[in-house]
Protein backbone atom coordinates (compact mmCIF):
# COMPACT_ATOMS: atom_id res chain seq x y z
CA MET A 1 -24.75 -0.22 18.40
CA GLU A 2 -22.43 -0.27 15.52
CA GLN A 3 -18.64 -2.79 16.91
CA GLN A 4 -15.83 -1.18 16.84
CA ASN A 5 -13.48 -2.34 14.13
CA ILE A 6 -9.84 -2.68 15.47
CA LEU A 7 -7.03 -3.88 12.62
CA LEU A 8 -4.04 -5.78 14.30
CA LEU A 9 -0.88 -5.55 12.83
CA GLU A 10 1.48 -7.88 14.97
CA GLY A 11 3.60 -10.87 14.13
CA GLU A 12 3.22 -14.75 14.28
CA ARG A 13 3.66 -15.39 18.57
CA VAL A 14 5.25 -18.74 19.43
CA GLY A 15 4.35 -19.60 22.32
CA GLU A 16 2.90 -15.87 23.62
CA ALA A 17 -1.02 -15.07 23.50
CA SER A 18 -2.08 -13.02 20.09
CA LEU A 19 -3.56 -10.25 21.05
CA VAL A 20 -6.41 -11.20 19.28
CA GLY A 21 -8.11 -12.67 22.11
CA PRO A 22 -8.87 -10.29 24.87
CA LEU A 23 -9.74 -7.52 22.21
CA ARG A 24 -12.55 -9.41 20.57
CA LYS A 25 -13.90 -10.92 24.36
CA ALA A 26 -13.58 -6.24 24.77
CA GLY A 27 -16.47 -6.30 21.95
CA TYR A 28 -14.52 -4.71 19.01
CA GLN A 29 -14.80 -6.78 15.73
CA VAL A 30 -10.25 -7.74 15.26
CA THR A 31 -9.50 -7.29 11.67
CA LEU A 32 -6.23 -9.90 12.15
CA ILE A 33 -2.63 -8.69 9.86
CA HIS A 34 0.49 -10.07 9.56
CA THR A 35 2.76 -8.03 7.86
CA SER A 36 2.97 -4.41 6.84
CA GLY A 37 2.48 -5.19 2.99
CA ALA A 38 -0.49 -6.33 4.08
CA ALA A 39 -2.36 -4.12 6.31
CA LEU A 40 -1.32 -1.42 3.62
CA ASP A 41 -2.96 -3.57 1.21
CA TYR A 42 -6.24 -4.26 2.65
CA LEU A 43 -6.16 0.37 3.85
CA GLN A 44 -6.51 0.82 0.29
CA GLN A 45 -9.31 -1.07 -0.74
CA GLU A 46 -12.70 -0.42 -1.04
CA GLY A 47 -14.78 0.36 2.18
CA PRO A 48 -15.08 1.87 6.04
CA LEU A 49 -11.95 1.83 7.15
CA PRO A 50 -10.66 0.14 10.99
CA HIS A 51 -11.79 2.58 14.11
CA LEU A 52 -8.37 2.46 15.13
CA VAL A 53 -5.08 0.70 14.42
CA VAL A 54 -3.58 -1.28 16.76
CA PHE A 55 0.45 -2.08 15.99
CA ASP A 56 2.84 -4.26 17.62
CA ALA A 57 5.68 -3.27 15.81
CA ALA A 58 7.44 -4.58 18.66
CA SER A 59 6.35 -8.06 18.41
CA MET A 60 7.61 -7.75 14.62
CA ARG A 61 11.15 -7.34 15.17
CA THR A 62 11.03 -3.80 13.35
CA SER A 63 10.52 -0.22 14.51
CA GLY A 64 7.49 0.02 12.78
CA VAL A 65 8.54 4.00 11.64
CA ARG A 66 8.20 3.80 7.49
CA SER A 67 4.23 1.43 7.72
CA CYS A 68 3.35 3.73 10.47
CA ARG A 69 3.89 6.95 8.36
CA GLN A 70 2.41 5.17 5.54
CA MET A 71 -0.99 3.71 7.53
CA ARG A 72 -1.39 7.14 8.82
CA ARG A 73 -1.53 8.28 5.43
CA LEU A 74 -4.06 6.36 4.92
CA LEU A 75 -5.82 6.64 7.83
CA ALA A 76 -5.66 11.03 8.33
CA ASP A 77 -6.49 10.53 12.09
CA HIS A 78 -8.46 7.42 12.58
CA PRO A 79 -5.71 6.71 16.17
CA ILE A 80 -3.07 4.41 15.64
CA ILE A 81 -1.23 2.78 18.65
CA LEU A 82 2.80 1.62 18.49
CA THR A 83 4.17 -0.95 20.36
CA TYR A 84 8.44 -0.58 20.81
CA PRO A 85 10.36 -3.05 23.41
CA ALA A 86 11.80 -2.11 26.29
CA GLY A 87 14.40 0.00 27.09
CA ALA A 88 13.95 1.65 23.33
CA GLU A 89 12.22 5.63 23.05
CA PRO A 90 9.39 5.65 21.19
CA ASN A 91 10.66 7.49 17.23
CA THR A 92 7.31 9.91 16.88
CA HIS A 93 8.55 9.98 13.51
CA ALA A 94 6.34 7.65 13.03
CA GLN A 95 3.08 9.33 13.25
CA ALA A 96 1.56 7.22 15.64
CA THR A 97 -1.16 8.56 18.48
CA LEU A 98 -0.14 6.48 21.43
CA TYR A 99 3.14 5.02 21.88
CA LEU A 100 2.93 1.72 24.02
CA ALA A 101 6.38 -0.08 25.34
CA ARG A 102 6.38 -3.99 26.22
CA PRO A 103 5.55 -5.32 27.59
CA PHE A 104 2.07 -4.38 28.83
CA THR A 105 -1.44 -6.48 30.15
CA ALA A 106 -4.04 -6.92 27.70
CA ARG A 107 -5.57 -4.24 30.38
CA LYS A 108 -3.57 -1.42 29.98
CA LEU A 109 -3.36 -2.16 25.89
CA LEU A 110 -7.69 -2.14 26.21
CA ASN A 111 -7.70 0.93 29.01
CA ARG A 112 -6.08 3.50 26.18
CA ILE A 113 -8.07 1.82 23.64
CA ARG A 114 -11.30 2.72 25.20
CA THR A 115 -8.65 6.14 26.04
CA LEU A 116 -8.73 7.29 21.78
CA LEU A 117 -12.73 5.67 21.29
CA PRO A 118 -14.76 7.54 23.25
CA PRO A 119 -18.68 5.99 21.92
CA ASP A 120 -19.72 9.21 20.03
CA GLU A 121 -16.31 8.10 17.75
CA LEU A 122 -18.81 6.15 16.05
CA LYS A 123 -20.69 9.22 14.55
CA GLU A 124 -20.53 8.74 10.58
CA GLU A 125 -18.62 12.08 8.99
CA ILE A 126 -20.83 12.87 6.36
CA VAL A 127 -20.49 15.49 3.93
CA ARG A 128 -22.97 17.19 1.69
CA ALA A 129 -24.08 18.84 -1.92
CA GLY A 130 -27.38 18.93 -3.28
CA ASP A 131 -28.20 15.66 -3.50
CA LEU A 132 -24.93 14.27 -3.48
CA ALA A 133 -23.31 12.13 0.30
CA LEU A 134 -19.75 11.02 1.05
CA PHE A 135 -19.10 9.54 3.92
CA LEU A 136 -15.78 9.75 5.12
CA ASN A 137 -15.28 6.67 7.75
CA ARG A 138 -17.47 4.27 4.80
CA ARG A 139 -15.35 5.57 1.78
CA SER A 140 -18.61 5.83 -0.03
CA VAL A 141 -20.38 8.25 -1.65
CA VAL A 142 -24.69 8.61 -2.00
CA LEU A 143 -26.34 10.29 -4.99
CA ASN A 144 -30.22 10.77 -4.36
CA GLY A 145 -30.23 8.22 -1.62
CA LYS A 146 -29.68 5.57 -4.28
CA ASP A 147 -27.02 2.82 -4.12
CA GLU A 148 -23.94 3.56 -1.92
CA VAL A 149 -20.50 3.65 -4.08
CA HIS A 150 -17.43 2.77 -1.93
CA LEU A 151 -14.18 4.58 -3.31
CA THR A 152 -10.43 4.06 -2.63
CA PRO A 153 -8.87 6.40 0.47
CA ARG A 154 -7.10 8.68 -2.42
CA LEU A 155 -11.45 8.94 -3.95
CA VAL A 156 -12.78 10.08 -0.63
CA ARG A 157 -10.13 12.51 -0.42
CA LEU A 158 -10.27 13.66 -3.90
CA LEU A 159 -14.45 14.15 -4.11
CA GLU A 160 -14.26 15.44 -0.17
CA GLU A 161 -12.00 18.46 -1.81
CA PHE A 162 -14.80 19.00 -4.52
CA VAL A 163 -17.65 18.62 -2.43
CA ARG A 164 -16.28 20.94 0.39
CA HIS A 165 -15.29 23.65 -2.56
CA PRO A 166 -19.18 23.64 -4.71
CA ASN A 167 -19.53 25.58 -8.07
CA GLN A 168 -15.59 27.47 -7.45
CA LEU A 169 -13.25 26.87 -9.79
CA VAL A 170 -10.68 24.39 -7.90
CA THR A 171 -7.42 24.33 -9.40
CA ARG A 172 -4.37 21.16 -10.10
CA GLU A 173 -2.11 22.65 -8.23
CA GLN A 174 -4.50 23.23 -5.33
CA ILE A 175 -6.07 19.32 -5.39
CA MET A 176 -1.98 18.57 -6.29
CA HIS A 177 -1.26 19.48 -2.98
CA ASN A 178 -3.77 19.38 -1.38
CA VAL A 179 -4.86 14.90 -1.78
CA TRP A 180 -1.33 14.21 -3.79
CA GLN A 181 0.34 16.29 -1.25
CA THR A 182 2.96 17.45 -3.92
CA THR A 183 3.32 20.90 -6.13
CA TYR A 184 5.10 18.28 -8.89
CA LEU A 185 2.65 19.23 -11.77
CA GLY A 186 5.08 17.62 -14.43
CA ASP A 187 3.18 14.29 -15.15
CA THR A 188 -0.60 14.44 -14.06
CA ARG A 189 -2.45 11.96 -16.01
CA THR A 190 -3.13 9.91 -12.23
CA LEU A 191 -5.38 13.25 -11.47
CA ASP A 192 -6.37 12.44 -14.84
CA VAL A 193 -7.32 8.71 -13.90
CA HIS A 194 -8.92 9.62 -10.47
CA ILE A 195 -11.15 11.97 -12.23
CA ARG A 196 -11.93 9.94 -14.53
CA TRP A 197 -12.90 7.40 -12.01
CA ILE A 198 -14.94 9.51 -9.66
CA ARG A 199 -16.77 10.72 -12.95
CA GLU A 200 -18.02 6.91 -12.81
CA ALA A 201 -19.23 7.31 -9.56
CA ILE A 202 -20.74 10.44 -9.64
CA GLU A 203 -21.81 10.48 -13.28
CA PRO A 204 -24.87 8.77 -14.35
CA GLU A 205 -23.14 9.45 -17.97
CA PRO A 206 -19.30 10.04 -17.24
CA GLY A 207 -18.36 10.57 -20.96
CA ARG A 208 -20.77 13.16 -21.07
CA PRO A 209 -20.41 14.84 -17.32
CA VAL A 210 -23.08 17.31 -15.96
CA ARG A 211 -22.05 17.68 -12.06
CA LEU A 212 -18.00 17.27 -12.53
CA ILE A 213 -16.90 19.47 -15.70
CA THR A 214 -13.12 20.37 -17.34
CA VAL A 215 -11.26 24.19 -17.01
CA ARG A 216 -9.35 23.45 -19.49
CA GLY A 217 -5.93 25.22 -18.17
CA ARG A 218 -7.11 25.87 -15.02
CA GLY A 219 -9.08 22.87 -12.91
CA TYR A 220 -12.18 21.62 -12.29
CA ILE A 221 -16.06 22.65 -11.02
CA PHE A 222 -18.51 20.64 -9.10
CA TYR A 223 -21.86 21.32 -9.44
CA PRO A 224 -23.94 19.80 -6.66
CA GLN A 225 -26.58 20.38 -9.02
CA PRO A 226 -26.13 18.26 -12.46
CA HIS A 227 -25.62 21.01 -14.54
CA ARG A 228 -27.09 20.29 -18.86
CA ASN A 229 -26.50 23.98 -19.58
CA GLN A 230 -22.65 23.24 -18.94
CA VAL A 231 -19.72 22.04 -21.30
CA ASP A 232 -16.60 20.28 -20.24
CA GLN A 233 -13.41 21.54 -21.45
CA SER A 234 -11.88 18.73 -21.29
CA GLY A 235 -12.64 17.07 -25.05
């Protein structure tokens, strides 16, 4: 069985035991990070997402609301446990899955984690279209069962938008709304760059696309199988 990976974000501890020990003793693989910025950088790297995040904001003398909301955008539905100081009220605007007041025992934390991570959470969610398989948890794509290409979180969401709508026009408006959560279309150069990166991952010749075809002025059509007779209108 795959070992469950937990991202632990906690402050530098002086005279107080870290949560790393109890988590690892319980059988979890733990990645320890001490700053919110480093945690966000970690989550945006290529590779699989952690199964769960423990954000011990109370140990960092911060509410963690802003950072937790940023992590939520990157983690989709993956659980986040956010701690808060004793006597305070949890700020639900943080969009955490579960709020845990300090102080708490390691046993209490582990019980909450086991509730959020039942064994079937280890199952990989795969979206398939033709010979393409998109692994959402591992954040990677495989073509023809060959080499696996790892993607950033944004590229995963963008490619998922196409793979879930094969042979259909996906408009630029739809992409900006569903992937970037905005209706602003004044400058879509960022989208253009991400389309190029997607093509580098799934096209045999990115400069002559046969899977992800531009429909000029409208959007894109993703073909599960290469369409040599399709003409890309991006030029």
